[in-house]
Amino acid sequence: LQGRFWTNNGEIAGNGLDDDNNGYVDDVNGYDFANGTGDPTPEDDPYS
């Protein structure tokens, strides 16, 4: 999937700020509404 991800150009990765004032901190490639973070990578479940 490398090179396929959308980028929010108004956001600066990892600075802990909502740079584009859209209400979401560090949403560079998407957002995680299940956990309230800017990292949309799923949790790792090694038993599943």
All heavy atoms as atom14 arrays in JSON, in Angstrom:
{
  "sequence": "LQGRFWTNNGEIAGNGLDDDNNGYVDDVNGYDFANGTGDPTPEDDPYS",
  "atom14_mask": [
    [1, 1, 1, 1, 1, 1, 1, 1, 0, 0, 0, 0, 0, 0],
    [1, 1, 1, 1, 1, 1, 1, 1, 1, 0, 0, 0, 0, 0],
    [1, 1, 1, 1, 0, 0, 0, 0, 0, 0, 0, 0, 0, 0],
    [1, 1, 1, 1, 1, 1, 1, 1, 1, 1, 1, 0, 0, 0],
    [1, 1, 1, 1, 1, 1, 1, 1, 1, 1, 1, 0, 0, 0],
    [1, 1, 1, 1, 1, 1, 1, 1, 1, 1, 1, 1, 1, 1],
    [1, 1, 1, 1, 1, 1, 1, 0, 0, 0, 0, 0, 0, 0],
    [1, 1, 1, 1, 1, 1, 1, 1, 0, 0, 0, 0, 0, 0],
    [1, 1, 1, 1, 1, 1, 1, 1, 0, 0, 0, 0, 0, 0],
    [1, 1, 1, 1, 0, 0, 0, 0, 0, 0, 0, 0, 0, 0],
    [1, 1, 1, 1, 1, 1, 1, 1, 1, 0, 0, 0, 0, 0],
    [1, 1, 1, 1, 1, 1, 1, 1, 0, 0, 0, 0, 0, 0],
    [1, 1, 1, 1, 1, 0, 0, 0, 0, 0, 0, 0, 0, 0],
    [1, 1, 1, 1, 0, 0, 0, 0, 0, 0, 0, 0, 0, 0],
    [1, 1, 1, 1, 1, 1, 1, 1, 0, 0, 0, 0, 0, 0],
    [1, 1, 1, 1, 0, 0, 0, 0, 0, 0, 0, 0, 0, 0],
    [1, 1, 1, 1, 1, 1, 1, 1, 0, 0, 0, 0, 0, 0],
    [1, 1, 1, 1, 1, 1, 1, 1, 0, 0, 0, 0, 0, 0],
    [1, 1, 1, 1, 1, 1, 1, 1, 0, 0, 0, 0, 0, 0],
    [1, 1, 1, 1, 1, 1, 1, 1, 0, 0, 0, 0, 0, 0],
    [1, 1, 1, 1, 1, 1, 1, 1, 0, 0, 0, 0, 0, 0],
    [1, 1, 1, 1, 1, 1, 1, 1, 0, 0, 0, 0, 0, 0],
    [1, 1, 1, 1, 0, 0, 0, 0, 0, 0, 0, 0, 0, 0],
    [1, 1, 1, 1, 1, 1, 1, 1, 1, 1, 1, 1, 0, 0],
    [1, 1, 1, 1, 1, 1, 1, 0, 0, 0, 0, 0, 0, 0],
    [1, 1, 1, 1, 1, 1, 1, 1, 0, 0, 0, 0, 0, 0],
    [1, 1, 1, 1, 1, 1, 1, 1, 0, 0, 0, 0, 0, 0],
    [1, 1, 1, 1, 1, 1, 1, 0, 0, 0, 0, 0, 0, 0],
    [1, 1, 1, 1, 1, 1, 1, 1, 0, 0, 0, 0, 0, 0],
    [1, 1, 1, 1, 0, 0, 0, 0, 0, 0, 0, 0, 0, 0],
    [1, 1, 1, 1, 1, 1, 1, 1, 1, 1, 1, 1, 0, 0],
    [1, 1, 1, 1, 1, 1, 1, 1, 0, 0, 0, 0, 0, 0],
    [1, 1, 1, 1, 1, 1, 1, 1, 1, 1, 1, 0, 0, 0],
    [1, 1, 1, 1, 1, 0, 0, 0, 0, 0, 0, 0, 0, 0],
    [1, 1, 1, 1, 1, 1, 1, 1, 0, 0, 0, 0, 0, 0],
    [1, 1, 1, 1, 0, 0, 0, 0, 0, 0, 0, 0, 0, 0],
    [1, 1, 1, 1, 1, 1, 1, 0, 0, 0, 0, 0, 0, 0],
    [1, 1, 1, 1, 0, 0, 0, 0, 0, 0, 0, 0, 0, 0],
    [1, 1, 1, 1, 1, 1, 1, 1, 0, 0, 0, 0, 0, 0],
    [1, 1, 1, 1, 1, 1, 1, 0, 0, 0, 0, 0, 0, 0],
    [1, 1, 1, 1, 1, 1, 1, 0, 0, 0, 0, 0, 0, 0],
    [1, 1, 1, 1, 1, 1, 1, 0, 0, 0, 0, 0, 0, 0],
    [1, 1, 1, 1, 1, 1, 1, 1, 1, 0, 0, 0, 0, 0],
    [1, 1, 1, 1, 1, 1, 1, 1, 0, 0, 0, 0, 0, 0],
    [1, 1, 1, 1, 1, 1, 1, 1, 0, 0, 0, 0, 0, 0],
    [1, 1, 1, 1, 1, 1, 1, 0, 0, 0, 0, 0, 0, 0],
    [1, 1, 1, 1, 1, 1, 1, 1, 1, 1, 1, 1, 0, 0],
    [1, 1, 1, 1, 1, 1, 0, 0, 0, 0, 0, 0, 0, 0]
  ],
  "atom14_positions": [
    [[0.81, -1.22, 0.0], [0.0, 0.0, 0.0], [0.85, 1.27, 0.0], [0.31, 2.38, 0.03], [-0.93, 0.01, 1.23], [-1.94, -1.13, 1.31], [-2.71, -1.07, 2.62], [-2.88, -1.1, 0.11], [0.0, 0.0, 0.0], [0.0, 0.0, 0.0], [0.0, 0.0, 0.0], [0.0, 0.0, 0.0], [0.0, 0.0, 0.0], [0.0, 0.0, 0.0]],
    [[2.16, 1.13, -0.03], [3.03, 2.3, 0.03], [2.81, 3.22, -1.17], [2.67, 2.77, -2.3], [4.5, 1.87, 0.12], [4.81, 1.16, 1.43], [4.31, 1.94, 2.64], [4.78, 3.04, 2.92], [3.36, 1.37, 3.37], [0.0, 0.0, 0.0], [0.0, 0.0, 0.0], [0.0, 0.0, 0.0], [0.0, 0.0, 0.0], [0.0, 0.0, 0.0]],
    [[2.75, 4.51, -0.88], [2.5, 5.52, -1.92], [1.03, 5.74, -2.22], [0.68, 6.57, -3.04], [0.0, 0.0, 0.0], [0.0, 0.0, 0.0], [0.0, 0.0, 0.0], [0.0, 0.0, 0.0], [0.0, 0.0, 0.0], [0.0, 0.0, 0.0], [0.0, 0.0, 0.0], [0.0, 0.0, 0.0], [0.0, 0.0, 0.0], [0.0, 0.0, 0.0]],
    [[0.15, 4.99, -1.56], [-1.28, 5.07, -1.84], [-2.03, 5.97, -0.87], [-3.21, 6.23, -1.06], [-1.94, 3.67, -1.78], [-1.39, 2.67, -2.77], [-1.93, 2.81, -4.19], [-1.75, 4.09, -4.79], [-0.67, 4.48, -5.48], [0.33, 3.7, -5.62], [-0.62, 5.68, -6.03], [0.0, 0.0, 0.0], [0.0, 0.0, 0.0], [0.0, 0.0, 0.0]],
    [[-1.41, 6.46, 0.18], [-2.16, 7.15, 1.22], [-2.38, 8.63, 0.95], [-1.47, 9.34, 0.54], [-1.5, 6.93, 2.59], [-1.61, 5.5, 3.02], [-0.52, 4.65, 2.95], [-2.83, 5.0, 3.43], [-0.64, 3.33, 3.31], [-2.96, 3.67, 3.79], [-1.86, 2.83, 3.73], [0.0, 0.0, 0.0], [0.0, 0.0, 0.0], [0.0, 0.0, 0.0]],
    [[-3.61, 9.05, 1.21], [-4.02, 10.45, 1.17], [-3.22, 11.2, 2.22], [-2.89, 10.65, 3.28], [-5.51, 10.52, 1.47], [-6.04, 11.86, 1.83], [-6.42, 12.85, 0.97], [-6.29, 12.38, 3.15], [-6.89, 13.94, 1.67], [-6.81, 13.67, 3.01], [-6.12, 11.86, 4.42], [-7.17, 14.45, 4.1], [-6.46, 12.64, 5.51], [-6.98, 13.93, 5.34]],
    [[-2.9, 12.44, 1.94], [-2.17, 13.26, 2.9], [-2.93, 14.55, 3.15], [-3.32, 15.24, 2.21], [-0.76, 13.6, 2.38], [-0.05, 12.38, 2.17], [0.0, 14.45, 3.38], [0.0, 0.0, 0.0], [0.0, 0.0, 0.0], [0.0, 0.0, 0.0], [0.0, 0.0, 0.0], [0.0, 0.0, 0.0], [0.0, 0.0, 0.0], [0.0, 0.0, 0.0]],
    [[-3.13, 14.85, 4.42], [-3.72, 16.12, 4.84], [-2.57, 17.13, 4.86], [-1.8, 17.18, 5.82], [-4.36, 15.99, 6.21], [-4.95, 17.28, 6.72], [-4.77, 18.34, 6.12], [-5.65, 17.19, 7.84], [0.0, 0.0, 0.0], [0.0, 0.0, 0.0], [0.0, 0.0, 0.0], [0.0, 0.0, 0.0], [0.0, 0.0, 0.0], [0.0, 0.0, 0.0]],
    [[-2.42, 17.89, 3.8], [-1.29, 18.82, 3.67], [-1.29, 19.95, 4.69], [-0.26, 20.6, 4.88], [-1.26, 19.4, 2.25], [-0.93, 18.34, 1.23], [-0.1, 17.48, 1.46], [-1.62, 18.38, 0.1], [0.0, 0.0, 0.0], [0.0, 0.0, 0.0], [0.0, 0.0, 0.0], [0.0, 0.0, 0.0], [0.0, 0.0, 0.0], [0.0, 0.0, 0.0]],
    [[-2.42, 20.17, 5.37], [-2.48, 21.22, 6.37], [-2.01, 20.78, 7.74], [-1.99, 21.57, 8.68], [0.0, 0.0, 0.0], [0.0, 0.0, 0.0], [0.0, 0.0, 0.0], [0.0, 0.0, 0.0], [0.0, 0.0, 0.0], [0.0, 0.0, 0.0], [0.0, 0.0, 0.0], [0.0, 0.0, 0.0], [0.0, 0.0, 0.0], [0.0, 0.0, 0.0]],
    [[-1.64, 19.53, 7.88], [-1.27, 18.97, 9.19], [0.22, 18.65, 9.22], [0.78, 18.19, 8.23], [-2.09, 17.7, 9.44], [-2.19, 17.27, 10.87], [-2.98, 18.22, 11.74], [-4.04, 18.72, 11.31], [-2.54, 18.47, 12.87], [0.0, 0.0, 0.0], [0.0, 0.0, 0.0], [0.0, 0.0, 0.0], [0.0, 0.0, 0.0], [0.0, 0.0, 0.0]],
    [[0.86, 18.89, 10.35], [2.27, 18.56, 10.55], [2.32, 17.32, 11.44], [1.8, 17.33, 12.56], [3.04, 19.73, 11.19], [2.99, 20.95, 10.28], [4.47, 19.32, 11.51], [3.49, 22.23, 10.92], [0.0, 0.0, 0.0], [0.0, 0.0, 0.0], [0.0, 0.0, 0.0], [0.0, 0.0, 0.0], [0.0, 0.0, 0.0], [0.0, 0.0, 0.0]],
    [[2.94, 16.27, 10.94], [2.96, 14.99, 11.65], [3.66, 15.07, 13.0], [4.74, 15.64, 13.11], [3.64, 13.94, 10.79], [0.0, 0.0, 0.0], [0.0, 0.0, 0.0], [0.0, 0.0, 0.0], [0.0, 0.0, 0.0], [0.0, 0.0, 0.0], [0.0, 0.0, 0.0], [0.0, 0.0, 0.0], [0.0, 0.0, 0.0], [0.0, 0.0, 0.0]],
    [[3.0, 14.48, 14.0], [3.61, 14.25, 15.29], [3.87, 15.43, 16.19], [4.54, 15.3, 17.21], [0.0, 0.0, 0.0], [0.0, 0.0, 0.0], [0.0, 0.0, 0.0], [0.0, 0.0, 0.0], [0.0, 0.0, 0.0], [0.0, 0.0, 0.0], [0.0, 0.0, 0.0], [0.0, 0.0, 0.0], [0.0, 0.0, 0.0], [0.0, 0.0, 0.0]],
    [[3.32, 16.6, 15.87], [3.6, 17.75, 16.73], [2.54, 17.95, 17.82], [2.62, 18.88, 18.62], [3.78, 19.03, 15.92], [2.5, 19.53, 15.26], [1.46, 18.88, 15.32], [2.59, 20.67, 14.61], [0.0, 0.0, 0.0], [0.0, 0.0, 0.0], [0.0, 0.0, 0.0], [0.0, 0.0, 0.0], [0.0, 0.0, 0.0], [0.0, 0.0, 0.0]],
    [[1.51, 17.1, 17.84], [0.5, 17.19, 18.88], [-0.45, 18.37, 18.75], [-1.15, 18.7, 19.7], [0.0, 0.0, 0.0], [0.0, 0.0, 0.0], [0.0, 0.0, 0.0], [0.0, 0.0, 0.0], [0.0, 0.0, 0.0], [0.0, 0.0, 0.0], [0.0, 0.0, 0.0], [0.0, 0.0, 0.0], [0.0, 0.0, 0.0], [0.0, 0.0, 0.0]],
    [[-0.49, 18.99, 17.56], [-1.35, 20.15, 17.34], [-2.34, 19.9, 16.21], [-2.1, 19.08, 15.32], [-0.5, 21.38, 16.98], [0.54, 21.82, 18.01], [1.42, 22.92, 17.42], [-0.13, 22.28, 19.29], [0.0, 0.0, 0.0], [0.0, 0.0, 0.0], [0.0, 0.0, 0.0], [0.0, 0.0, 0.0], [0.0, 0.0, 0.0], [0.0, 0.0, 0.0]],
    [[-3.43, 20.63, 16.24], [-4.39, 20.61, 15.15], [-4.02, 21.76, 14.2], [-4.6, 22.83, 14.24], [-5.81, 20.78, 15.69], [-6.87, 20.82, 14.6], [-6.56, 20.43, 13.46], [-7.99, 21.24, 14.91], [0.0, 0.0, 0.0], [0.0, 0.0, 0.0], [0.0, 0.0, 0.0], [0.0, 0.0, 0.0], [0.0, 0.0, 0.0], [0.0, 0.0, 0.0]],
    [[-3.01, 21.54, 13.37], [-2.45, 22.6, 12.53], [-3.44, 23.2, 11.54], [-3.37, 24.38, 11.22], [-1.24, 22.06, 11.75], [-0.17, 21.55, 12.69], [0.38, 22.35, 13.47], [0.1, 20.34, 12.66], [0.0, 0.0, 0.0], [0.0, 0.0, 0.0], [0.0, 0.0, 0.0], [0.0, 0.0, 0.0], [0.0, 0.0, 0.0], [0.0, 0.0, 0.0]],
    [[-4.36, 22.38, 11.03], [-5.31, 22.88, 10.03], [-6.65, 23.3, 10.64], [-7.57, 23.67, 9.93], [-5.53, 21.83, 8.93], [-6.13, 20.53, 9.46], [-6.31, 20.39, 10.68], [-6.42, 19.66, 8.63], [0.0, 0.0, 0.0], [0.0, 0.0, 0.0], [0.0, 0.0, 0.0], [0.0, 0.0, 0.0], [0.0, 0.0, 0.0], [0.0, 0.0, 0.0]],
    [[-6.75, 23.24, 11.97], [-7.96, 23.66, 12.7], [-9.23, 22.95, 12.25], [-10.3, 23.54, 12.23], [-8.13, 25.18, 12.62], [-7.0, 25.92, 13.29], [-6.65, 25.61, 14.42], [-6.43, 26.88, 12.6], [0.0, 0.0, 0.0], [0.0, 0.0, 0.0], [0.0, 0.0, 0.0], [0.0, 0.0, 0.0], [0.0, 0.0, 0.0], [0.0, 0.0, 0.0]],
    [[-9.11, 21.66, 11.93], [-10.3, 20.9, 11.54], [-10.87, 20.11, 12.72], [-11.83, 19.36, 12.56], [-10.02, 19.97, 10.36], [-9.12, 18.8, 10.71], [-8.55, 18.72, 11.8], [-8.97, 17.87, 9.78], [0.0, 0.0, 0.0], [0.0, 0.0, 0.0], [0.0, 0.0, 0.0], [0.0, 0.0, 0.0], [0.0, 0.0, 0.0], [0.0, 0.0, 0.0]],
    [[-10.28, 20.27, 13.9], [-10.78, 19.59, 15.09], [-10.08, 18.29, 15.41], [-10.42, 17.63, 16.38], [0.0, 0.0, 0.0], [0.0, 0.0, 0.0], [0.0, 0.0, 0.0], [0.0, 0.0, 0.0], [0.0, 0.0, 0.0], [0.0, 0.0, 0.0], [0.0, 0.0, 0.0], [0.0, 0.0, 0.0], [0.0, 0.0, 0.0], [0.0, 0.0, 0.0]],
    [[-9.08, 17.9, 14.6], [-8.41, 16.62, 14.79], [-6.9, 16.83, 14.8], [-6.32, 17.38, 13.87], [-8.82, 15.63, 13.7], [-10.32, 15.46, 13.67], [-11.08, 16.1, 12.7], [-10.96, 14.72, 14.65], [-12.47, 15.97, 12.7], [-12.34, 14.59, 14.66], [-13.08, 15.22, 13.69], [-14.44, 15.11, 13.7], [0.0, 0.0, 0.0], [0.0, 0.0, 0.0]],
    [[-6.26, 16.34, 15.85], [-4.81, 16.5, 16.03], [-4.06, 15.42, 15.24], [-4.39, 14.23, 15.32], [-4.46, 16.4, 17.54], [-2.96, 16.39, 17.75], [-5.12, 17.54, 18.3], [0.0, 0.0, 0.0], [0.0, 0.0, 0.0], [0.0, 0.0, 0.0], [0.0, 0.0, 0.0], [0.0, 0.0, 0.0], [0.0, 0.0, 0.0], [0.0, 0.0, 0.0]],
    [[-3.07, 15.86, 14.49], [-2.14, 14.97, 13.77], [-2.84, 14.0, 12.81], [-2.4, 12.87, 12.62], [-1.26, 14.18, 14.75], [-0.26, 15.06, 15.46], [0.08, 16.14, 14.93], [0.19, 14.68, 16.55], [0.0, 0.0, 0.0], [0.0, 0.0, 0.0], [0.0, 0.0, 0.0], [0.0, 0.0, 0.0], [0.0, 0.0, 0.0], [0.0, 0.0, 0.0]],
    [[-3.9, 14.44, 12.17], [-4.6, 13.6, 11.19], [-3.95, 13.74, 9.81], [-4.53, 14.21, 8.86], [-6.1, 13.93, 11.14], [-6.4, 15.36, 10.73], [-5.7, 16.29, 11.2], [-7.34, 15.55, 9.94], [0.0, 0.0, 0.0], [0.0, 0.0, 0.0], [0.0, 0.0, 0.0], [0.0, 0.0, 0.0], [0.0, 0.0, 0.0], [0.0, 0.0, 0.0]],
    [[-2.72, 13.28, 9.72], [-1.93, 13.42, 8.5], [-2.43, 12.51, 7.39], [-2.54, 12.92, 6.24], [-0.43, 13.15, 8.79], [0.39, 13.18, 7.52], [0.09, 14.18, 9.78], [0.0, 0.0, 0.0], [0.0, 0.0, 0.0], [0.0, 0.0, 0.0], [0.0, 0.0, 0.0], [0.0, 0.0, 0.0], [0.0, 0.0, 0.0], [0.0, 0.0, 0.0]],
    [[-2.74, 11.24, 7.72], [-3.21, 10.28, 6.72], [-4.62, 9.78, 6.98], [-5.09, 8.88, 6.28], [-2.27, 9.08, 6.63], [-0.9, 9.45, 6.15], [0.08, 9.26, 6.86], [-0.79, 10.0, 4.97], [0.0, 0.0, 0.0], [0.0, 0.0, 0.0], [0.0, 0.0, 0.0], [0.0, 0.0, 0.0], [0.0, 0.0, 0.0], [0.0, 0.0, 0.0]],
    [[-5.3, 10.31, 7.95], [-6.63, 9.86, 8.32], [-6.82, 10.05, 9.81], [-6.05, 10.78, 10.45], [0.0, 0.0, 0.0], [0.0, 0.0, 0.0], [0.0, 0.0, 0.0], [0.0, 0.0, 0.0], [0.0, 0.0, 0.0], [0.0, 0.0, 0.0], [0.0, 0.0, 0.0], [0.0, 0.0, 0.0], [0.0, 0.0, 0.0], [0.0, 0.0, 0.0]],
    [[-7.82, 9.37, 10.39], [-8.09, 9.54, 11.81], [-8.68, 8.28, 12.41], [-9.33, 7.49, 11.72], [-9.03, 10.73, 12.04], [-9.01, 11.23, 13.46], [-7.95, 12.02, 13.91], [-10.0, 10.9, 14.36], [-7.9, 12.47, 15.23], [-9.97, 11.34, 15.67], [-8.91, 12.13, 16.09], [-8.86, 12.57, 17.4], [0.0, 0.0, 0.0], [0.0, 0.0, 0.0]],
    [[-8.45, 8.09, 13.7], [-8.97, 6.95, 14.45], [-10.06, 7.44, 15.4], [-9.77, 7.97, 16.47], [-7.84, 6.29, 15.22], [-8.3, 5.13, 16.09], [-9.51, 4.88, 16.2], [-7.42, 4.47, 16.68], [0.0, 0.0, 0.0], [0.0, 0.0, 0.0], [0.0, 0.0, 0.0], [0.0, 0.0, 0.0], [0.0, 0.0, 0.0], [0.0, 0.0, 0.0]],
    [[-11.31, 7.3, 14.99], [-12.44, 7.73, 15.81], [-12.77, 6.72, 16.91], [-13.45, 7.05, 17.87], [-13.68, 7.99, 14.94], [-13.54, 9.24, 14.13], [-13.02, 9.19, 12.84], [-13.89, 10.47, 14.65], [-12.87, 10.36, 12.09], [-13.73, 11.64, 13.92], [-13.22, 11.57, 12.64], [0.0, 0.0, 0.0], [0.0, 0.0, 0.0], [0.0, 0.0, 0.0]],
    [[-12.28, 5.5, 16.79], [-12.51, 4.49, 17.83], [-11.7, 4.8, 19.08], [-12.13, 4.5, 20.19], [-12.17, 3.1, 17.3], [0.0, 0.0, 0.0], [0.0, 0.0, 0.0], [0.0, 0.0, 0.0], [0.0, 0.0, 0.0], [0.0, 0.0, 0.0], [0.0, 0.0, 0.0], [0.0, 0.0, 0.0], [0.0, 0.0, 0.0], [0.0, 0.0, 0.0]],
    [[-10.52, 5.42, 18.89], [-9.63, 5.69, 20.01], [-9.28, 7.17, 20.16], [-8.54, 7.54, 21.07], [-8.34, 4.87, 19.86], [-8.63, 3.39, 19.85], [-9.1, 2.85, 20.83], [-8.37, 2.74, 18.72], [0.0, 0.0, 0.0], [0.0, 0.0, 0.0], [0.0, 0.0, 0.0], [0.0, 0.0, 0.0], [0.0, 0.0, 0.0], [0.0, 0.0, 0.0]],
    [[-9.75, 8.03, 19.25], [-9.53, 9.45, 19.35], [-8.1, 9.89, 19.1], [-7.59, 10.77, 19.8], [0.0, 0.0, 0.0], [0.0, 0.0, 0.0], [0.0, 0.0, 0.0], [0.0, 0.0, 0.0], [0.0, 0.0, 0.0], [0.0, 0.0, 0.0], [0.0, 0.0, 0.0], [0.0, 0.0, 0.0], [0.0, 0.0, 0.0], [0.0, 0.0, 0.0]],
    [[-7.45, 9.29, 18.11], [-6.07, 9.65, 17.79], [-5.91, 9.91, 16.29], [-6.75, 9.51, 15.49], [-5.07, 8.55, 18.19], [-5.15, 7.47, 17.26], [-5.31, 8.05, 19.6], [0.0, 0.0, 0.0], [0.0, 0.0, 0.0], [0.0, 0.0, 0.0], [0.0, 0.0, 0.0], [0.0, 0.0, 0.0], [0.0, 0.0, 0.0], [0.0, 0.0, 0.0]],
    [[-4.8, 10.52, 15.93], [-4.49, 10.78, 14.54], [-3.83, 9.6, 13.85], [-3.4, 9.72, 12.7], [0.0, 0.0, 0.0], [0.0, 0.0, 0.0], [0.0, 0.0, 0.0], [0.0, 0.0, 0.0], [0.0, 0.0, 0.0], [0.0, 0.0, 0.0], [0.0, 0.0, 0.0], [0.0, 0.0, 0.0], [0.0, 0.0, 0.0], [0.0, 0.0, 0.0]],
    [[-3.76, 8.46, 14.51], [-3.15, 7.26, 13.93], [-4.22, 6.25, 13.56], [-4.76, 5.56, 14.43], [-2.16, 6.65, 14.92], [-1.46, 5.43, 14.36], [-1.63, 5.11, 13.16], [-0.72, 4.78, 15.13], [0.0, 0.0, 0.0], [0.0, 0.0, 0.0], [0.0, 0.0, 0.0], [0.0, 0.0, 0.0], [0.0, 0.0, 0.0], [0.0, 0.0, 0.0]],
    [[-4.56, 6.13, 12.26], [-5.61, 5.21, 11.84], [-5.16, 3.76, 11.65], [-5.84, 2.96, 11.02], [-6.07, 5.8, 10.51], [-4.82, 6.4, 9.95], [-4.06, 6.92, 11.14], [0.0, 0.0, 0.0], [0.0, 0.0, 0.0], [0.0, 0.0, 0.0], [0.0, 0.0, 0.0], [0.0, 0.0, 0.0], [0.0, 0.0, 0.0], [0.0, 0.0, 0.0]],
    [[-3.99, 3.42, 12.21], [-3.49, 2.04, 12.13], [-4.21, 1.2, 13.17], [-4.29, 1.6, 14.33], [-1.96, 2.01, 12.38], [-1.34, 2.88, 11.44], [-1.41, 0.61, 12.21], [0.0, 0.0, 0.0], [0.0, 0.0, 0.0], [0.0, 0.0, 0.0], [0.0, 0.0, 0.0], [0.0, 0.0, 0.0], [0.0, 0.0, 0.0], [0.0, 0.0, 0.0]],
    [[-4.71, 0.03, 12.8], [-5.46, -0.79, 13.76], [-4.57, -1.33, 14.87], [-3.35, -1.45, 14.72], [-6.02, -1.92, 12.91], [-5.15, -1.98, 11.71], [-4.62, -0.6, 11.49], [0.0, 0.0, 0.0], [0.0, 0.0, 0.0], [0.0, 0.0, 0.0], [0.0, 0.0, 0.0], [0.0, 0.0, 0.0], [0.0, 0.0, 0.0], [0.0, 0.0, 0.0]],
    [[-5.21, -1.65, 15.99], [-4.49, -2.28, 17.08], [-4.03, -3.65, 16.62], [-4.67, -4.3, 15.82], [-5.42, -2.48, 18.31], [-5.97, -1.2, 18.86], [-7.26, -0.75, 18.18], [-7.9, -1.56, 17.5], [-7.58, 0.43, 18.29], [0.0, 0.0, 0.0], [0.0, 0.0, 0.0], [0.0, 0.0, 0.0], [0.0, 0.0, 0.0], [0.0, 0.0, 0.0]],
    [[-2.9, -4.1, 17.15], [-2.36, -5.4, 16.78], [-2.87, -6.44, 17.76], [-2.73, -6.29, 18.96], [-0.83, -5.35, 16.81], [-0.21, -6.65, 16.33], [-0.83, -7.34, 15.5], [0.89, -6.98, 16.8], [0.0, 0.0, 0.0], [0.0, 0.0, 0.0], [0.0, 0.0, 0.0], [0.0, 0.0, 0.0], [0.0, 0.0, 0.0], [0.0, 0.0, 0.0]],
    [[-3.49, -7.49, 17.25], [-3.98, -8.57, 18.08], [-3.28, -9.86, 17.65], [-3.71, -10.51, 16.7], [-5.49, -8.71, 17.95], [-6.06, -9.8, 18.84], [-5.28, -10.5, 19.52], [-7.29, -9.97, 18.85], [0.0, 0.0, 0.0], [0.0, 0.0, 0.0], [0.0, 0.0, 0.0], [0.0, 0.0, 0.0], [0.0, 0.0, 0.0], [0.0, 0.0, 0.0]],
    [[-2.19, -10.24, 18.32], [-1.43, -11.42, 17.89], [-2.18, -12.74, 18.06], [-1.77, -13.74, 17.51], [-0.19, -11.38, 18.79], [-0.63, -10.62, 20.0], [-1.65, -9.62, 19.51], [0.0, 0.0, 0.0], [0.0, 0.0, 0.0], [0.0, 0.0, 0.0], [0.0, 0.0, 0.0], [0.0, 0.0, 0.0], [0.0, 0.0, 0.0], [0.0, 0.0, 0.0]],
    [[-3.3, -12.73, 18.78], [-4.04, -13.96, 19.03], [-5.2, -14.17, 18.06], [-5.9, -15.16, 18.13], [-4.56, -13.99, 20.47], [-3.44, -13.87, 21.46], [-3.24, -12.68, 22.13], [-2.57, -14.92, 21.68], [-2.19, -12.55, 23.03], [-1.52, -14.8, 22.57], [-1.33, -13.62, 23.24], [-0.29, -13.49, 24.11], [0.0, 0.0, 0.0], [0.0, 0.0, 0.0]],
    [[-5.41, -13.21, 17.17], [-6.56, -13.29, 16.29], [-6.12, -13.67, 14.87], [-5.32, -12.99, 14.25], [-7.27, -11.93, 16.24], [-8.36, -12.01, 15.37], [0.0, 0.0, 0.0], [0.0, 0.0, 0.0], [0.0, 0.0, 0.0], [0.0, 0.0, 0.0], [0.0, 0.0, 0.0], [0.0, 0.0, 0.0], [0.0, 0.0, 0.0], [0.0, 0.0, 0.0]]
  ]
}
